[in-house]
Amino acid sequence: MVHIGTVVMGASDVARAAAFWKAALTYTEREPGTDDWVVLVPVDGPGVGLSLGRSASPVQEVPRVHLDLYSDTQEAEVERLVALGAEGVAWELYPPDADFVVLADTEGNRFCVIDTTHDG
């Protein structure tokens, strides 16, 4: 049997990306990171890790893989994440009555904040 242990994302500045995601998700470094690699894990116990590796690859504007962050206070979470350094993305692919907001982290990696109270 296998399971997802970590999701890996590229970053041109691993330390900057790690600082953002640690604050965004309440994660910590599993062990001290380097300029090229860090593995982040939940502070409060088990869960999927987030690994950040140095990458020179360009960010995909419409990524094939991305993170979905679930929240029952979507608007407040979007504001909090933007205050941490995320940026809103001009997303032209929103469906009518979308339950998600597209943001980009400090490296430009797209992710969504999903409204778990949305009934549409």
Protein backbone atom coordinates (compact mmCIF):
# COMPACT_ATOMS: atom_id res chain seq x y z
CA MET A 1 0.00 0.00 0.00
CA VAL A 2 1.21 3.52 -0.77
CA HIS A 3 0.07 6.98 0.30
CA ILE A 4 1.04 10.57 -0.47
CA GLY A 5 3.81 11.62 1.90
CA THR A 6 4.71 15.02 0.47
CA VAL A 7 3.71 17.28 -2.37
CA VAL A 8 6.76 18.81 -4.06
CA MET A 9 6.81 22.33 -5.49
CA GLY A 10 9.56 24.26 -7.21
CA ALA A 11 10.90 27.55 -5.91
CA SER A 12 13.59 29.94 -7.06
CA ASP A 13 14.00 31.08 -3.43
CA VAL A 14 13.44 28.07 -1.17
CA ALA A 15 13.79 30.05 2.08
CA ARG A 16 11.22 32.66 1.00
CA ALA A 17 8.78 29.97 -0.16
CA ALA A 18 9.28 28.01 3.07
CA ALA A 19 8.58 31.09 5.20
CA PHE A 20 5.33 31.69 3.31
CA TRP A 21 4.08 28.09 3.48
CA LYS A 22 5.08 27.62 7.13
CA ALA A 23 2.96 30.65 8.05
CA ALA A 24 0.15 29.80 5.63
CA LEU A 25 -0.30 26.19 6.77
CA THR A 26 1.12 26.22 10.33
CA TYR A 27 3.90 23.87 9.20
CA THR A 28 7.48 23.51 10.39
CA GLU A 29 10.69 22.15 8.91
CA ARG A 30 11.04 18.39 9.37
CA GLU A 31 14.78 19.00 9.67
CA PRO A 32 16.85 22.09 8.86
CA GLY A 33 16.50 22.98 5.20
CA THR A 34 19.15 24.07 2.74
CA ASP A 35 19.20 26.70 0.00
CA ASP A 36 18.06 23.93 -2.37
CA TRP A 37 15.57 21.81 -0.42
CA VAL A 38 13.27 21.73 2.59
CA VAL A 39 10.50 19.42 3.76
CA LEU A 40 7.68 21.05 5.71
CA VAL A 41 5.31 19.08 7.94
CA PRO A 42 2.27 19.97 10.06
CA VAL A 43 3.12 21.37 13.50
CA ASP A 44 0.24 19.52 15.14
CA GLY A 45 0.85 15.93 14.07
CA PRO A 46 0.45 13.77 10.99
CA GLY A 47 -0.52 15.07 7.59
CA VAL A 48 0.75 15.51 4.07
CA GLY A 49 4.11 17.26 3.89
CA LEU A 50 5.12 20.00 1.49
CA SER A 51 8.61 19.82 0.00
CA LEU A 52 10.16 22.81 -1.71
CA GLY A 53 13.03 22.33 -4.11
CA ARG A 54 15.10 24.88 -5.97
CA SER A 55 13.89 25.13 -9.55
CA ALA A 56 14.58 27.36 -12.51
CA SER A 57 11.51 26.09 -14.38
CA PRO A 58 8.95 28.76 -15.22
CA VAL A 59 5.65 28.76 -13.36
CA GLN A 60 2.72 27.36 -15.33
CA GLU A 61 -0.08 29.87 -15.73
CA VAL A 62 -2.62 27.05 -15.77
CA PRO A 63 -0.85 24.37 -13.74
CA ARG A 64 -1.66 20.72 -14.21
CA VAL A 65 -1.19 20.14 -10.47
CA HIS A 66 -1.88 22.60 -7.68
CA LEU A 67 -2.85 22.77 -4.00
CA ASP A 68 -6.45 23.23 -2.86
CA LEU A 69 -6.69 24.76 0.62
CA TYR A 70 -10.08 24.18 2.26
CA SER A 71 -11.65 26.76 4.55
CA ASP A 72 -15.04 27.56 6.01
CA THR A 73 -13.89 31.20 6.24
CA GLN A 74 -12.66 31.66 2.67
CA GLU A 75 -12.67 35.46 2.54
CA ALA A 76 -10.71 35.77 5.80
CA GLU A 77 -8.21 33.12 4.66
CA VAL A 78 -7.66 34.84 1.32
CA GLU A 79 -6.99 38.12 3.15
CA ARG A 80 -4.60 36.37 5.58
CA LEU A 81 -2.69 34.64 2.77
CA VAL A 82 -2.39 37.87 0.79
CA ALA A 83 -1.03 39.59 3.92
CA LEU A 84 1.59 36.80 4.10
CA GLY A 85 2.72 37.50 0.53
CA ALA A 86 0.31 35.64 -1.76
CA GLU A 87 -1.09 37.49 -4.75
CA GLY A 88 -4.47 37.32 -6.41
CA VAL A 89 -4.47 35.80 -9.89
CA ALA A 90 -6.56 37.24 -12.71
CA TRP A 91 -8.23 33.90 -13.43
CA GLU A 92 -10.39 33.92 -16.53
CA LEU A 93 -11.50 30.31 -16.09
CA TYR A 94 -13.80 30.79 -13.09
CA PRO A 95 -17.08 28.95 -13.60
CA PRO A 96 -20.33 30.67 -12.64
CA ASP A 97 -20.83 30.61 -8.86
CA ALA A 98 -17.24 29.41 -8.23
CA ASP A 99 -16.42 28.06 -4.79
CA PHE A 100 -12.69 28.83 -5.14
CA VAL A 101 -10.31 31.77 -5.35
CA VAL A 102 -7.02 31.42 -7.23
CA LEU A 103 -3.91 32.85 -5.59
CA ALA A 104 -0.18 32.57 -6.25
CA ASP A 105 2.46 32.04 -3.57
CA THR A 106 5.64 34.10 -3.28
CA GLU A 107 7.13 32.03 -6.13
CA GLY A 108 4.13 32.40 -8.44
CA ASN A 109 2.88 28.84 -7.84
CA ARG A 110 -0.92 28.82 -8.23
CA PHE A 111 -3.17 27.44 -5.50
CA CYS A 112 -6.85 27.67 -4.65
CA VAL A 113 -8.73 28.54 -1.50
CA ILE A 114 -11.94 26.51 -1.51
CA ASP A 115 -15.06 27.69 0.35
CA THR A 116 -16.26 24.58 2.17
CA THR A 117 -19.56 26.29 3.06
CA HIS A 118 -20.44 26.84 -0.58
CA ASP A 119 -23.61 24.99 -1.55
CA GLY A 120 -23.45 25.51 -5.29
